[in-house]
Amino acid sequence: MRNEKVNTITNFDFLISYFVFLIPYLKRLLMKKLNFLFLATMLLINTNLSAQEFRVPAGQIKVKEDYAEYEKDIIAADKWLVATPFNEQKERRDQVNGFIKQWVDGSPTVNCELNPTIFDFEKKNPGMLYLFMGGCARYVLENNDSKDMRAKHKAALMDMITVYKAGKGIKKDKKMEKLIKAKEEGKLDEWLGENLKVGK
């Protein structure tokens, strides 16, 4: 009986010692997670604020040399379109859409290939066309790559999917649902080949 009591005390002391040993490690682990959550939260807040604060530049695009000056604004414009619900800030959205269209239509370095499939998305949810155009332009500018049509179109479609799945100011679209299903099943390349005629 006495031996059992001694063993119980010894085991308890061991557990206490082990727990004390673990405390510094657990504190470091907790601090790392808290720091990560803080940084992630701040990044999300900064991204949302940047999107909300975007304004269409006041200058005019007159000659081809002007387009490079607005490249950062085009990237910011596309981010704003993705972050802002379809049913909010309609007047500013119209301005941003017009800015993207003007820039993409005249850009000497960025092409955005449009076809009936993209216009079908626009019919159901007006604004999808400009998300596609902005997404194409943003991919080319951020990656300095205007030749990979497949990657460019994928990036643009992901913008459209993100906004559609957010569901704010969005009408249900069977064709978009099929696109999303293809993406989720890993068949986006097949969808591109069939609908946008983009080869591998």
N, C-alpha and C. Protein backbone atom coordinates (compact mmCIF):
# COMPACT_ATOMS: atom_id res chain seq x y z
N MET A 1 0.84 -1.21 0.00
CA MET A 1 0.00 0.00 0.00
C MET A 1 0.86 1.25 0.00
N ARG A 2 1.92 1.18 0.83
CA ARG A 2 2.81 2.34 0.90
C ARG A 2 3.55 2.53 -0.41
N ASN A 3 3.97 1.42 -1.02
CA ASN A 3 4.67 1.48 -2.30
C ASN A 3 3.78 2.08 -3.39
N GLU A 4 2.49 1.70 -3.38
CA GLU A 4 1.55 2.24 -4.37
C GLU A 4 1.41 3.75 -4.20
N LYS A 5 1.39 4.19 -2.92
CA LYS A 5 1.28 5.62 -2.66
C LYS A 5 2.50 6.37 -3.14
N VAL A 6 3.68 5.78 -2.92
CA VAL A 6 4.94 6.38 -3.38
C VAL A 6 4.97 6.46 -4.89
N ASN A 7 4.52 5.39 -5.57
CA ASN A 7 4.49 5.38 -7.04
C ASN A 7 3.53 6.43 -7.59
N THR A 8 2.40 6.59 -6.89
CA THR A 8 1.41 7.59 -7.33
C THR A 8 1.99 8.99 -7.23
N ILE A 9 2.68 9.27 -6.12
CA ILE A 9 3.30 10.58 -5.94
C ILE A 9 4.39 10.81 -6.97
N THR A 10 5.18 9.76 -7.21
CA THR A 10 6.27 9.87 -8.19
C THR A 10 5.71 10.16 -9.58
N ASN A 11 4.66 9.45 -9.97
CA ASN A 11 4.04 9.67 -11.28
C ASN A 11 3.46 11.07 -11.39
N PHE A 12 2.85 11.52 -10.29
CA PHE A 12 2.27 12.86 -10.29
C PHE A 12 3.37 13.92 -10.43
N ASP A 13 4.46 13.73 -9.72
CA ASP A 13 5.60 14.66 -9.83
C ASP A 13 6.15 14.68 -11.24
N PHE A 14 6.18 13.50 -11.86
CA PHE A 14 6.69 13.42 -13.24
C PHE A 14 5.79 14.21 -14.20
N LEU A 15 4.48 14.05 -14.01
CA LEU A 15 3.53 14.76 -14.88
C LEU A 15 3.66 16.27 -14.70
N ILE A 16 3.82 16.70 -13.46
CA ILE A 16 3.98 18.13 -13.19
C ILE A 16 5.25 18.65 -13.86
N SER A 17 6.34 17.90 -13.70
CA SER A 17 7.63 18.30 -14.30
C SER A 17 7.52 18.35 -15.82
N TYR A 18 6.83 17.36 -16.39
CA TYR A 18 6.68 17.31 -17.84
C TYR A 18 5.86 18.49 -18.34
N PHE A 19 4.79 18.81 -17.61
CA PHE A 19 3.94 19.93 -17.99
C PHE A 19 4.71 21.25 -17.91
N VAL A 20 5.49 21.42 -16.84
CA VAL A 20 6.31 22.62 -16.69
C VAL A 20 7.32 22.73 -17.83
N PHE A 21 7.85 21.59 -18.23
CA PHE A 21 8.80 21.56 -19.34
C PHE A 21 8.14 22.00 -20.65
N LEU A 22 6.87 21.63 -20.81
CA LEU A 22 6.16 21.94 -22.05
C LEU A 22 5.70 23.39 -22.15
N ILE A 23 5.53 24.05 -21.02
CA ILE A 23 4.95 25.40 -21.03
C ILE A 23 5.67 26.36 -21.98
N PRO A 24 7.01 26.49 -21.95
CA PRO A 24 7.68 27.42 -22.88
C PRO A 24 7.41 27.08 -24.35
N TYR A 25 7.41 25.77 -24.64
CA TYR A 25 7.15 25.35 -26.02
C TYR A 25 5.74 25.72 -26.46
N LEU A 26 4.76 25.47 -25.56
CA LEU A 26 3.38 25.79 -25.89
C LEU A 26 3.17 27.29 -26.05
N LYS A 27 3.88 28.07 -25.23
CA LYS A 27 3.77 29.53 -25.33
C LYS A 27 4.30 30.01 -26.67
N ARG A 28 5.46 29.44 -27.09
CA ARG A 28 6.03 29.83 -28.39
C ARG A 28 5.10 29.45 -29.53
N LEU A 29 4.52 28.25 -29.44
CA LEU A 29 3.60 27.78 -30.48
C LEU A 29 2.37 28.67 -30.56
N LEU A 30 1.84 29.03 -29.39
CA LEU A 30 0.66 29.89 -29.36
C LEU A 30 0.96 31.27 -29.93
N MET A 31 2.13 31.82 -29.59
CA MET A 31 2.51 33.14 -30.09
C MET A 31 2.68 33.13 -31.60
N LYS A 32 3.25 32.05 -32.13
CA LYS A 32 3.42 31.94 -33.58
C LYS A 32 2.07 31.94 -34.28
N LYS A 33 1.12 31.18 -33.72
CA LYS A 33 -0.21 31.12 -34.33
C LYS A 33 -0.93 32.46 -34.24
N LEU A 34 -0.78 33.13 -33.09
CA LEU A 34 -1.41 34.43 -32.93
C LEU A 34 -0.81 35.45 -33.89
N ASN A 35 0.52 35.40 -34.06
CA ASN A 35 1.19 36.31 -35.01
C ASN A 35 0.72 36.05 -36.42
N PHE A 36 0.59 34.78 -36.77
CA PHE A 36 0.13 34.43 -38.11
C PHE A 36 -1.29 34.94 -38.35
N LEU A 37 -2.17 34.71 -37.37
CA LEU A 37 -3.55 35.17 -37.50
C LEU A 37 -3.62 36.68 -37.60
N PHE A 38 -2.78 37.37 -36.83
CA PHE A 38 -2.76 38.83 -36.87
C PHE A 38 -2.32 39.33 -38.25
N LEU A 39 -1.24 38.74 -38.77
CA LEU A 39 -0.73 39.16 -40.08
C LEU A 39 -1.74 38.86 -41.18
N ALA A 40 -2.36 37.69 -41.10
CA ALA A 40 -3.36 37.31 -42.11
C ALA A 40 -4.55 38.27 -42.07
N THR A 41 -4.98 38.62 -40.86
CA THR A 41 -6.10 39.55 -40.70
C THR A 41 -5.76 40.92 -41.26
N MET A 42 -4.56 41.41 -40.94
CA MET A 42 -4.13 42.72 -41.42
C MET A 42 -4.03 42.74 -42.94
N LEU A 43 -3.53 41.63 -43.51
CA LEU A 43 -3.41 41.55 -44.97
C LEU A 43 -4.79 41.60 -45.61
N LEU A 44 -5.74 40.88 -45.03
CA LEU A 44 -7.10 40.87 -45.56
C LEU A 44 -7.73 42.25 -45.46
N ILE A 45 -7.53 42.91 -44.32
CA ILE A 45 -8.08 44.25 -44.13
C ILE A 45 -7.47 45.23 -45.13
N ASN A 46 -6.15 45.16 -45.30
CA ASN A 46 -5.47 46.07 -46.24
C ASN A 46 -5.92 45.84 -47.67
N THR A 47 -6.11 44.55 -48.02
CA THR A 47 -6.57 44.22 -49.37
C THR A 47 -7.96 44.78 -49.61
N ASN A 48 -8.86 44.60 -48.62
CA ASN A 48 -10.23 45.09 -48.76
C ASN A 48 -10.27 46.61 -48.82
N LEU A 49 -9.45 47.25 -47.98
CA LEU A 49 -9.41 48.71 -47.98
C LEU A 49 -8.90 49.24 -49.31
N SER A 50 -7.87 48.58 -49.85
CA SER A 50 -7.31 49.01 -51.13
C SER A 50 -8.35 48.90 -52.22
N ALA A 51 -9.10 47.78 -52.18
CA ALA A 51 -10.14 47.58 -53.19
C ALA A 51 -11.22 48.64 -53.06
N GLN A 52 -11.65 48.92 -51.82
CA GLN A 52 -12.72 49.87 -51.59
C GLN A 52 -12.30 51.29 -51.97
N GLU A 53 -11.02 51.60 -51.88
CA GLU A 53 -10.56 52.97 -52.10
C GLU A 53 -10.22 53.26 -53.56
N PHE A 54 -10.30 52.26 -54.43
CA PHE A 54 -9.88 52.48 -55.82
C PHE A 54 -10.75 53.53 -56.50
N ARG A 55 -10.09 54.41 -57.20
CA ARG A 55 -10.76 55.43 -58.01
C ARG A 55 -10.22 55.37 -59.43
N VAL A 56 -11.09 55.54 -60.40
CA VAL A 56 -10.65 55.59 -61.79
C VAL A 56 -9.76 56.81 -61.99
N PRO A 57 -8.58 56.64 -62.58
CA PRO A 57 -7.68 57.78 -62.79
C PRO A 57 -8.33 58.91 -63.58
N ALA A 58 -7.94 60.11 -63.26
CA ALA A 58 -8.55 61.27 -63.91
C ALA A 58 -7.95 61.55 -65.29
N GLY A 59 -6.74 61.06 -65.53
CA GLY A 59 -6.07 61.34 -66.81
C GLY A 59 -6.74 60.65 -67.99
N GLN A 60 -6.30 61.01 -69.19
CA GLN A 60 -6.86 60.43 -70.41
C GLN A 60 -5.80 59.63 -71.16
N ILE A 61 -6.27 58.56 -71.79
CA ILE A 61 -5.38 57.73 -72.61
C ILE A 61 -5.52 58.20 -74.06
N LYS A 62 -4.46 58.79 -74.59
CA LYS A 62 -4.54 59.36 -75.93
C LYS A 62 -3.64 58.64 -76.94
N VAL A 63 -2.44 58.31 -76.53
CA VAL A 63 -1.50 57.64 -77.43
C VAL A 63 -1.03 56.34 -76.79
N LYS A 64 -0.40 55.46 -77.58
CA LYS A 64 -0.04 54.13 -77.07
C LYS A 64 0.95 54.18 -75.91
N GLU A 65 1.72 55.24 -75.84
CA GLU A 65 2.67 55.38 -74.73
C GLU A 65 1.97 55.59 -73.39
N ASP A 66 0.69 56.01 -73.44
CA ASP A 66 -0.05 56.28 -72.21
C ASP A 66 -0.47 55.00 -71.47
N TYR A 67 -0.56 53.89 -72.20
CA TYR A 67 -1.11 52.67 -71.61
C TYR A 67 -0.26 52.13 -70.46
N ALA A 68 1.06 52.17 -70.63
CA ALA A 68 1.95 51.66 -69.58
C ALA A 68 1.76 52.42 -68.28
N GLU A 69 1.43 53.69 -68.38
CA GLU A 69 1.26 54.53 -67.19
C GLU A 69 0.11 54.04 -66.31
N TYR A 70 -0.87 53.36 -66.91
CA TYR A 70 -2.06 52.95 -66.17
C TYR A 70 -2.10 51.45 -65.85
N GLU A 71 -0.99 50.77 -66.03
CA GLU A 71 -0.98 49.32 -65.79
C GLU A 71 -1.32 48.97 -64.34
N LYS A 72 -0.74 49.69 -63.39
CA LYS A 72 -1.03 49.43 -61.97
C LYS A 72 -2.50 49.73 -61.66
N ASP A 73 -3.06 50.71 -62.34
CA ASP A 73 -4.46 51.05 -62.13
C ASP A 73 -5.38 49.95 -62.66
N ILE A 74 -4.99 49.31 -63.75
CA ILE A 74 -5.79 48.22 -64.32
C ILE A 74 -5.80 47.04 -63.35
N ILE A 75 -4.64 46.73 -62.78
CA ILE A 75 -4.57 45.65 -61.79
C ILE A 75 -5.46 45.96 -60.59
N ALA A 76 -5.38 47.20 -60.11
CA ALA A 76 -6.20 47.62 -58.97
C ALA A 76 -7.69 47.61 -59.33
N ALA A 77 -8.00 47.98 -60.56
CA ALA A 77 -9.40 48.01 -61.01
C ALA A 77 -9.99 46.60 -61.01
N ASP A 78 -9.23 45.64 -61.50
CA ASP A 78 -9.71 44.26 -61.52
C ASP A 78 -9.92 43.74 -60.10
N LYS A 79 -8.98 44.04 -59.20
CA LYS A 79 -9.13 43.62 -57.81
C LYS A 79 -10.39 44.24 -57.18
N TRP A 80 -10.66 45.48 -57.55
CA TRP A 80 -11.85 46.15 -57.02
C TRP A 80 -13.12 45.46 -57.51
N LEU A 81 -13.16 45.11 -58.78
CA LEU A 81 -14.33 44.44 -59.34
C LEU A 81 -14.58 43.10 -58.64
N VAL A 82 -13.50 42.37 -58.35
CA VAL A 82 -13.64 41.06 -57.70
C VAL A 82 -14.11 41.22 -56.25
N ALA A 83 -13.63 42.27 -55.58
CA ALA A 83 -13.92 42.45 -54.15
C ALA A 83 -15.27 43.12 -53.88
N THR A 84 -15.82 43.79 -54.89
CA THR A 84 -17.04 44.57 -54.67
C THR A 84 -18.27 43.83 -55.19
N PRO A 85 -19.26 43.58 -54.33
CA PRO A 85 -20.48 42.88 -54.76
C PRO A 85 -21.16 43.57 -55.93
N PHE A 86 -21.78 42.78 -56.77
CA PHE A 86 -22.44 43.30 -57.98
C PHE A 86 -23.54 44.31 -57.65
N ASN A 87 -24.16 44.15 -56.49
CA ASN A 87 -25.29 45.01 -56.15
C ASN A 87 -24.90 46.23 -55.32
N GLU A 88 -23.62 46.57 -55.31
CA GLU A 88 -23.14 47.73 -54.56
C GLU A 88 -22.34 48.68 -55.47
N GLN A 89 -22.41 49.95 -55.17
CA GLN A 89 -21.61 50.99 -55.85
C GLN A 89 -21.73 50.90 -57.38
N LYS A 90 -22.97 50.88 -57.86
CA LYS A 90 -23.22 50.71 -59.30
C LYS A 90 -22.55 51.81 -60.14
N GLU A 91 -22.65 53.04 -59.68
CA GLU A 91 -22.07 54.14 -60.46
C GLU A 91 -20.55 53.98 -60.61
N ARG A 92 -19.89 53.65 -59.50
CA ARG A 92 -18.44 53.48 -59.59
C ARG A 92 -18.09 52.24 -60.41
N ARG A 93 -18.90 51.18 -60.28
CA ARG A 93 -18.66 49.98 -61.07
C ARG A 93 -18.73 50.29 -62.57
N ASP A 94 -19.70 51.08 -62.96
CA ASP A 94 -19.81 51.46 -64.37
C ASP A 94 -18.55 52.21 -64.82
N GLN A 95 -18.03 53.07 -63.96
CA GLN A 95 -16.81 53.82 -64.28
C GLN A 95 -15.61 52.89 -64.42
N VAL A 96 -15.50 51.94 -63.49
CA VAL A 96 -14.38 51.00 -63.52
C VAL A 96 -14.49 50.10 -64.75
N ASN A 97 -15.70 49.64 -65.06
CA ASN A 97 -15.90 48.82 -66.25
C ASN A 97 -15.47 49.56 -67.51
N GLY A 98 -15.87 50.84 -67.59
CA GLY A 98 -15.52 51.64 -68.76
C GLY A 98 -14.02 51.85 -68.87
N PHE A 99 -13.37 52.05 -67.73
CA PHE A 99 -11.91 52.24 -67.71
C PHE A 99 -11.19 50.99 -68.21
N ILE A 100 -11.62 49.83 -67.70
CA ILE A 100 -11.00 48.56 -68.12
C ILE A 100 -11.22 48.33 -69.61
N LYS A 101 -12.45 48.55 -70.08
CA LYS A 101 -12.75 48.32 -71.50
C LYS A 101 -11.91 49.23 -72.39
N GLN A 102 -11.83 50.50 -72.04
CA GLN A 102 -11.06 51.44 -72.85
C GLN A 102 -9.59 51.02 -72.90
N TRP A 103 -9.06 50.63 -71.74
CA TRP A 103 -7.64 50.28 -71.68
C TRP A 103 -7.36 49.00 -72.47
N VAL A 104 -8.17 47.97 -72.25
CA VAL A 104 -7.95 46.68 -72.92
C VAL A 104 -8.16 46.81 -74.43
N ASP A 105 -9.19 47.54 -74.84
CA ASP A 105 -9.48 47.69 -76.27
C ASP A 105 -8.32 48.34 -77.02
N GLY A 106 -7.62 49.26 -76.36
CA GLY A 106 -6.57 49.98 -77.07
C GLY A 106 -5.16 49.58 -76.72
N SER A 107 -4.99 48.70 -75.74
CA SER A 107 -3.64 48.34 -75.28
C SER A 107 -2.81 47.71 -76.39
N PRO A 108 -1.56 48.18 -76.55
CA PRO A 108 -0.68 47.59 -77.56
C PRO A 108 0.01 46.31 -77.08
N THR A 109 -0.16 45.97 -75.80
CA THR A 109 0.54 44.81 -75.25
C THR A 109 -0.37 43.72 -74.70
N VAL A 110 -1.64 44.04 -74.45
CA VAL A 110 -2.56 43.08 -73.84
C VAL A 110 -3.74 42.82 -74.77
N ASN A 111 -4.00 41.54 -75.04
CA ASN A 111 -5.16 41.15 -75.83
C ASN A 111 -6.12 40.36 -74.96
N CYS A 112 -7.40 40.54 -75.20
CA CYS A 112 -8.42 39.78 -74.47
C CYS A 112 -9.39 39.20 -75.49
N GLU A 113 -9.25 37.90 -75.72
CA GLU A 113 -10.05 37.25 -76.75
C GLU A 113 -11.46 36.95 -76.20
N LEU A 114 -12.45 37.51 -76.85
CA LEU A 114 -13.84 37.33 -76.41
C LEU A 114 -14.58 36.45 -77.41
N ASN A 115 -15.52 35.67 -76.89
CA ASN A 115 -16.33 34.84 -77.78
C ASN A 115 -17.75 34.75 -77.21
N PRO A 116 -18.68 34.12 -77.92
CA PRO A 116 -20.08 34.09 -77.47
C PRO A 116 -20.27 33.53 -76.07
N THR A 117 -19.42 32.60 -75.63
CA THR A 117 -19.57 32.03 -74.29
C THR A 117 -19.45 33.10 -73.21
N ILE A 118 -18.47 33.98 -73.36
CA ILE A 118 -18.27 35.06 -72.38
C ILE A 118 -19.45 36.02 -72.41
N PHE A 119 -19.97 36.31 -73.59
CA PHE A 119 -21.13 37.20 -73.70
C PHE A 119 -22.39 36.56 -73.10
N ASP A 120 -22.45 35.23 -73.12
CA ASP A 120 -23.58 34.54 -72.48
C ASP A 120 -23.57 34.78 -70.97
N PHE A 121 -22.39 34.73 -70.37
CA PHE A 121 -22.28 35.02 -68.93
C PHE A 121 -22.72 36.46 -68.64
N GLU A 122 -22.39 37.35 -69.55
CA GLU A 122 -22.73 38.76 -69.38
C GLU A 122 -24.23 38.98 -69.43
N LYS A 123 -24.94 38.21 -70.26
CA LYS A 123 -26.39 38.37 -70.38
C LYS A 123 -27.09 38.08 -69.06
N LYS A 124 -26.64 37.05 -68.37
CA LYS A 124 -27.28 36.64 -67.12
C LYS A 124 -26.88 37.54 -65.96
N ASN A 125 -25.62 37.90 -65.90
CA ASN A 125 -25.10 38.76 -64.83
C ASN A 125 -24.23 39.86 -65.44
N PRO A 126 -24.84 40.98 -65.82
CA PRO A 126 -24.08 42.08 -66.42
C PRO A 126 -22.90 42.51 -65.54
N GLY A 127 -21.74 42.52 -66.15
CA GLY A 127 -20.52 42.84 -65.42
C GLY A 127 -19.50 41.73 -65.53
N MET A 128 -19.96 40.51 -65.85
CA MET A 128 -19.05 39.38 -65.99
C MET A 128 -18.05 39.60 -67.13
N LEU A 129 -18.50 40.27 -68.18
CA LEU A 129 -17.62 40.56 -69.32
C LEU A 129 -16.40 41.35 -68.88
N TYR A 130 -16.62 42.35 -68.03
CA TYR A 130 -15.52 43.22 -67.60
C TYR A 130 -14.62 42.53 -66.58
N LEU A 131 -15.20 41.59 -65.81
CA LEU A 131 -14.37 40.76 -64.94
C LEU A 131 -13.42 39.91 -65.78
N PHE A 132 -13.93 39.39 -66.88
CA PHE A 132 -13.09 38.58 -67.76
C PHE A 132 -11.99 39.43 -68.39
N MET A 133 -12.35 40.59 -68.88
CA MET A 133 -11.37 41.47 -69.51
C MET A 133 -10.32 41.92 -68.49
N GLY A 134 -10.80 42.31 -67.30
CA GLY A 134 -9.87 42.74 -66.26
C GLY A 134 -8.97 41.62 -65.80
N GLY A 135 -9.53 40.41 -65.69
CA GLY A 135 -8.74 39.26 -65.27
C GLY A 135 -7.65 38.91 -66.27
N CYS A 136 -8.00 38.97 -67.57
CA CYS A 136 -6.99 38.73 -68.61
C CYS A 136 -5.86 39.74 -68.53
N ALA A 137 -6.23 41.02 -68.43
CA ALA A 137 -5.23 42.08 -68.37
C ALA A 137 -4.36 41.95 -67.12
N ARG A 138 -4.99 41.67 -66.02
CA ARG A 138 -4.24 41.54 -64.75
C ARG A 138 -3.24 40.40 -64.82
N TYR A 139 -3.65 39.26 -65.39
CA TYR A 139 -2.73 38.12 -65.50
C TYR A 139 -1.50 38.50 -66.34
N VAL A 140 -1.75 39.10 -67.48
CA VAL A 140 -0.64 39.47 -68.38
C VAL A 140 0.31 40.45 -67.69
N LEU A 141 -0.25 41.45 -67.01
CA LEU A 141 0.58 42.47 -66.39
C LEU A 141 1.34 41.94 -65.18
N GLU A 142 0.70 41.10 -64.39
CA GLU A 142 1.36 40.58 -63.19
C GLU A 142 2.40 39.52 -63.50
N ASN A 143 2.22 38.82 -64.62
CA ASN A 143 3.13 37.73 -64.97
C ASN A 143 4.03 38.03 -66.16
N ASN A 144 3.83 39.21 -66.73
CA ASN A 144 4.62 39.60 -67.91
C ASN A 144 4.57 38.50 -68.97
N ASP A 145 3.37 38.00 -69.20
CA ASP A 145 3.19 36.88 -70.12
C ASP A 145 1.92 37.09 -70.93
N SER A 146 2.08 37.40 -72.19
CA SER A 146 0.93 37.62 -73.06
C SER A 146 0.69 36.47 -74.03
N LYS A 147 1.53 35.43 -73.95
CA LYS A 147 1.46 34.34 -74.93
C LYS A 147 0.66 33.13 -74.44
N ASP A 148 0.61 32.92 -73.13
CA ASP A 148 -0.07 31.75 -72.58
C ASP A 148 -1.57 32.06 -72.45
N MET A 149 -2.30 31.80 -73.52
CA MET A 149 -3.73 32.10 -73.53
C MET A 149 -4.49 31.26 -72.50
N ARG A 150 -4.09 30.00 -72.34
CA ARG A 150 -4.79 29.12 -71.41
C ARG A 150 -4.69 29.65 -69.98
N ALA A 151 -3.48 30.01 -69.56
CA ALA A 151 -3.28 30.53 -68.20
C ALA A 151 -4.01 31.86 -68.02
N LYS A 152 -3.97 32.69 -69.04
CA LYS A 152 -4.64 33.99 -68.99
C LYS A 152 -6.15 33.83 -68.84
N HIS A 153 -6.73 32.95 -69.63
CA HIS A 153 -8.17 32.74 -69.57
C HIS A 153 -8.59 32.06 -68.27
N LYS A 154 -7.75 31.17 -67.76
CA LYS A 154 -8.05 30.53 -66.47
C LYS A 154 -8.12 31.58 -65.36
N ALA A 155 -7.15 32.48 -65.37
CA ALA A 155 -7.12 33.54 -64.35
C ALA A 155 -8.38 34.40 -64.44
N ALA A 156 -8.79 34.74 -65.65
CA ALA A 156 -9.99 35.57 -65.84
C ALA A 156 -11.24 34.82 -65.40
N LEU A 157 -11.33 33.54 -65.73
CA LEU A 157 -12.49 32.74 -65.32
C LEU A 157 -12.56 32.60 -63.80
N MET A 158 -11.40 32.52 -63.16
CA MET A 158 -11.38 32.41 -61.69
C MET A 158 -11.94 33.67 -61.05
N ASP A 159 -11.67 34.83 -61.66
CA ASP A 159 -12.28 36.08 -61.17
C ASP A 159 -13.81 35.98 -61.23
N MET A 160 -14.30 35.50 -62.35
CA MET A 160 -15.74 35.38 -62.54
C MET A 160 -16.35 34.38 -61.56
N ILE A 161 -15.68 33.26 -61.37
CA ILE A 161 -16.16 32.23 -60.45
C ILE A 161 -16.19 32.75 -59.02
N THR A 162 -15.15 33.48 -58.64
CA THR A 162 -15.08 34.04 -57.28
C THR A 162 -16.27 34.95 -56.99
N VAL A 163 -16.56 35.82 -57.94
CA VAL A 163 -17.68 36.76 -57.76
C VAL A 163 -19.01 36.01 -57.76
N TYR A 164 -19.16 35.06 -58.67
CA TYR A 164 -20.41 34.31 -58.75
C TYR A 164 -20.67 33.53 -57.47
N LYS A 165 -19.65 32.85 -56.95
CA LYS A 165 -19.81 32.04 -55.75
C LYS A 165 -20.05 32.90 -54.51
N ALA A 166 -19.60 34.15 -54.53
CA ALA A 166 -19.86 35.05 -53.42
C ALA A 166 -21.37 35.29 -53.29
N GLY A 167 -22.07 35.24 -54.44
CA GLY A 167 -23.53 35.28 -54.44
C GLY A 167 -24.18 36.61 -54.12
N LYS A 168 -23.43 37.69 -54.16
CA LYS A 168 -23.98 39.00 -53.81
C LYS A 168 -24.39 39.75 -55.07
N GLY A 169 -25.70 39.93 -55.26
CA GLY A 169 -26.20 40.60 -56.45
C GLY A 169 -26.10 39.72 -57.69
N ILE A 170 -26.03 38.42 -57.49
CA ILE A 170 -25.83 37.47 -58.59
C ILE A 170 -27.11 36.68 -58.88
N LYS A 171 -27.40 36.50 -60.17
CA LYS A 171 -28.51 35.65 -60.58
C LYS A 171 -27.96 34.28 -60.98
N LYS A 172 -28.73 33.24 -60.67
CA LYS A 172 -28.28 31.89 -60.98
C LYS A 172 -28.12 31.70 -62.47
N ASP A 173 -27.01 31.07 -62.85
CA ASP A 173 -26.68 30.89 -64.26
C ASP A 173 -26.24 29.43 -64.45
N LYS A 174 -27.02 28.66 -65.20
CA LYS A 174 -26.72 27.25 -65.41
C LYS A 174 -25.37 27.05 -66.10
N LYS A 175 -25.04 27.95 -67.01
CA LYS A 175 -23.76 27.81 -67.73
C LYS A 175 -22.58 28.08 -66.79
N MET A 176 -22.76 29.03 -65.89
CA MET A 176 -21.71 29.29 -64.91
C MET A 176 -21.59 28.11 -63.95
N GLU A 177 -22.72 27.50 -63.59
CA GLU A 177 -22.69 26.33 -62.72
C GLU A 177 -21.90 25.20 -63.37
N LYS A 178 -22.05 25.04 -64.67
CA LYS A 178 -21.31 24.01 -65.39
C LYS A 178 -19.81 24.31 -65.39
N LEU A 179 -19.46 25.59 -65.54
CA LEU A 179 -18.07 26.00 -65.49
C LEU A 179 -17.47 25.69 -64.11
N ILE A 180 -18.20 26.02 -63.06
CA ILE A 180 -17.73 25.77 -61.71
C ILE A 180 -17.57 24.27 -61.46
N LYS A 181 -18.51 23.48 -61.94
CA LYS A 181 -18.43 22.03 -61.79
C LYS A 181 -17.20 21.48 -62.50
N ALA A 182 -16.93 21.99 -63.69
CA ALA A 182 -15.75 21.55 -64.44
C ALA A 182 -14.47 21.88 -63.67
N LYS A 183 -14.44 23.06 -63.07
CA LYS A 183 -13.28 23.47 -62.29
C LYS A 183 -13.09 22.58 -61.08
N GLU A 184 -14.18 22.28 -60.37
CA GLU A 184 -14.11 21.47 -59.16
C GLU A 184 -13.74 20.02 -59.47
N GLU A 185 -14.08 19.56 -60.66
CA GLU A 185 -13.76 18.18 -61.05
C GLU A 185 -12.42 18.07 -61.76
N GLY A 186 -11.69 19.18 -61.82
CA GLY A 186 -10.38 19.17 -62.47
C GLY A 186 -10.45 19.07 -63.98
N LYS A 187 -11.57 19.54 -64.56
CA LYS A 187 -11.77 19.45 -66.00
C LYS A 187 -11.84 20.83 -66.66
N LEU A 188 -11.19 21.81 -66.03
CA LEU A 188 -11.24 23.17 -66.57
C LEU A 188 -10.56 23.27 -67.93
N ASP A 189 -9.49 22.50 -68.12
CA ASP A 189 -8.81 22.50 -69.43
C ASP A 189 -9.75 22.01 -70.53
N GLU A 190 -10.53 20.99 -70.21
CA GLU A 190 -11.48 20.47 -71.20
C GLU A 190 -12.54 21.52 -71.50
N TRP A 191 -13.01 22.19 -70.45
CA TRP A 191 -14.02 23.24 -70.63
C TRP A 191 -13.47 24.35 -71.52
N LEU A 192 -12.24 24.74 -71.30
CA LEU A 192 -11.61 25.78 -72.11
C LEU A 192 -11.53 25.36 -73.57
N GLY A 193 -11.15 24.11 -73.80
CA GLY A 193 -11.04 23.62 -75.18
C GLY A 193 -12.38 23.61 -75.89
N GLU A 194 -13.43 23.27 -75.16
CA GLU A 194 -14.77 23.17 -75.77
C GLU A 194 -15.45 24.51 -75.93
N ASN A 195 -15.25 25.41 -74.95
CA ASN A 195 -16.03 26.65 -74.93
C ASN A 195 -15.26 27.89 -75.39
N LEU A 196 -13.98 27.95 -75.12
CA LEU A 196 -13.19 29.09 -75.56
C LEU A 196 -12.22 28.74 -76.66
N LYS A 197 -12.25 27.48 -77.07
CA LYS A 197 -11.41 27.00 -78.18
C LYS A 197 -9.93 27.26 -77.91
N VAL A 198 -9.54 26.99 -76.65
CA VAL A 198 -8.13 27.17 -76.28
C VAL A 198 -7.47 25.82 -76.23
N GLY A 199 -6.45 25.64 -77.04
CA GLY A 199 -5.73 24.35 -77.09
C GLY A 199 -4.75 24.23 -75.95
N LYS A 200 -4.24 23.01 -75.76
CA LYS A 200 -3.26 22.77 -74.70
C LYS A 200 -1.90 23.28 -75.14
